[in-house]
Protein backbone atom coordinates (compact mmCIF):
# COMPACT_ATOMS: atom_id res chain seq x y z
CA UNK A 1 38.81 58.25 -45.12
CA UNK A 2 35.50 57.54 -46.79
CA UNK A 3 33.74 54.18 -46.31
CA UNK A 4 34.10 53.38 -50.03
CA UNK A 5 37.90 53.68 -49.82
CA UNK A 6 37.98 51.45 -46.73
CA UNK A 7 35.93 48.79 -48.52
CA UNK A 8 38.17 48.95 -51.62
CA UNK A 9 41.32 48.64 -49.48
CA UNK A 10 39.81 45.72 -47.56
CA UNK A 11 38.90 43.91 -50.78
CA UNK A 12 42.39 44.48 -52.21
CA UNK A 13 44.02 43.21 -49.01
CA UNK A 14 41.79 40.12 -49.06
CA UNK A 15 42.60 39.40 -52.71
CA UNK A 16 46.32 39.83 -52.04
CA UNK A 17 46.08 37.44 -49.08
CA UNK A 18 44.25 34.83 -51.21
CA UNK A 19 46.87 35.12 -53.94
CA UNK A 20 49.72 34.61 -51.48
CA UNK A 21 48.06 31.73 -49.63
CA UNK A 22 46.90 30.10 -52.87
CA UNK A 23 50.40 30.31 -54.36
CA UNK A 24 51.89 28.82 -51.19
CA UNK A 25 49.41 25.91 -51.28
CA UNK A 26 50.25 25.25 -54.93
CA UNK A 27 53.94 25.06 -54.05
CA UNK A 28 53.17 22.51 -51.33
CA UNK A 29 51.06 20.45 -53.77
CA UNK A 30 53.77 20.69 -56.42
CA UNK A 31 56.20 19.09 -53.99
CA UNK A 32 53.77 16.22 -53.51
CA UNK A 33 53.50 15.77 -57.29
CA UNK A 34 57.27 15.69 -57.57
CA UNK A 35 57.49 12.88 -55.00
CA UNK A 36 54.84 10.95 -56.94
CA UNK A 37 57.02 11.15 -60.03
CA UNK A 38 60.02 9.89 -58.08
CA UNK A 39 58.68 6.35 -57.99
CA UNK A 40 55.45 6.46 -56.04
CA UNK A 41 52.52 5.18 -58.06
CA UNK A 42 49.51 7.48 -58.35
CA UNK A 43 47.30 4.72 -59.71
CA UNK A 44 46.32 3.42 -63.12
CA UNK A 45 45.75 5.69 -66.09
CA UNK A 46 42.04 5.97 -66.84
CA UNK A 47 42.30 4.88 -70.48
CA UNK A 48 44.37 5.21 -73.62
CA UNK A 49 43.05 6.29 -77.01
CA UNK A 50 43.89 4.04 -79.93
CA UNK A 51 43.27 4.48 -83.65
CA UNK A 52 40.95 2.23 -85.61
CA UNK A 53 42.90 0.92 -88.66
CA UNK A 54 39.81 1.10 -90.91
CA UNK A 55 38.07 4.42 -90.21
CA UNK A 56 40.94 6.03 -88.22
CA UNK A 57 38.69 7.10 -85.34
CA UNK A 58 40.23 7.39 -81.89
CA UNK A 59 38.62 4.97 -79.45
CA UNK A 60 39.21 4.34 -75.73
CA UNK A 61 41.13 1.06 -75.55
CA UNK A 62 38.78 -0.43 -72.95
CA UNK A 63 35.76 0.13 -75.21
CA UNK A 64 37.36 -1.06 -78.45
CA UNK A 65 36.67 -4.34 -80.25
CA UNK A 66 39.81 -6.51 -80.11
CA UNK A 67 40.99 -8.82 -82.86
CA UNK A 68 44.22 -10.78 -83.11
CA UNK A 69 45.78 -10.41 -86.56
CA UNK A 70 46.69 -13.64 -88.39
CA UNK A 71 49.71 -12.21 -90.22
CA UNK A 72 51.86 -10.70 -87.49
CA UNK A 73 50.05 -11.91 -84.34
CA UNK A 74 49.40 -8.39 -83.08
CA UNK A 75 46.16 -7.29 -81.42
CA UNK A 76 44.18 -4.76 -83.43
CA UNK A 77 41.49 -2.51 -81.96
CA UNK A 78 38.35 -1.34 -83.78
CA UNK A 79 35.69 1.26 -82.99
CA UNK A 80 32.80 -1.03 -83.98
CA UNK A 81 31.81 -4.49 -85.17
CA UNK A 82 31.34 -3.08 -88.68
CA UNK A 83 34.95 -1.92 -88.92
CA UNK A 84 36.17 -5.22 -87.48
CA UNK A 85 34.11 -7.22 -89.99
CA UNK A 86 35.31 -5.03 -92.87
CA UNK A 87 38.92 -5.64 -91.82
CA UNK A 88 38.34 -9.40 -91.63
CA UNK A 89 36.79 -9.37 -95.15
CA UNK A 90 39.72 -7.34 -96.52
CA UNK A 91 42.21 -9.72 -94.92
CA UNK A 92 40.37 -12.68 -96.46
CA UNK A 93 40.56 -11.07 -99.91
CA UNK A 94 44.31 -10.40 -99.54
CA UNK A 95 45.16 -14.03 -98.78
């Protein structure tokens, strides 16, 4: 057998080994994920995107400007002070 064929066979065997071992490790990790979904807490979610009611941009909730609405006592989230101020002006005009 020529050296080139030996190298090709060795590379193919190595790749096959990595595929088998990698697939086995994924199955072990998948079992750990399943147990986390069965009631174990993985930790808090990083952040939730919310929609600005004025410009309809999606903003991370932790970075949004919060305002409590006078009409239905819900908390509204805005992408910027400008959108918040515009909403307050529009609410004042509607009253």
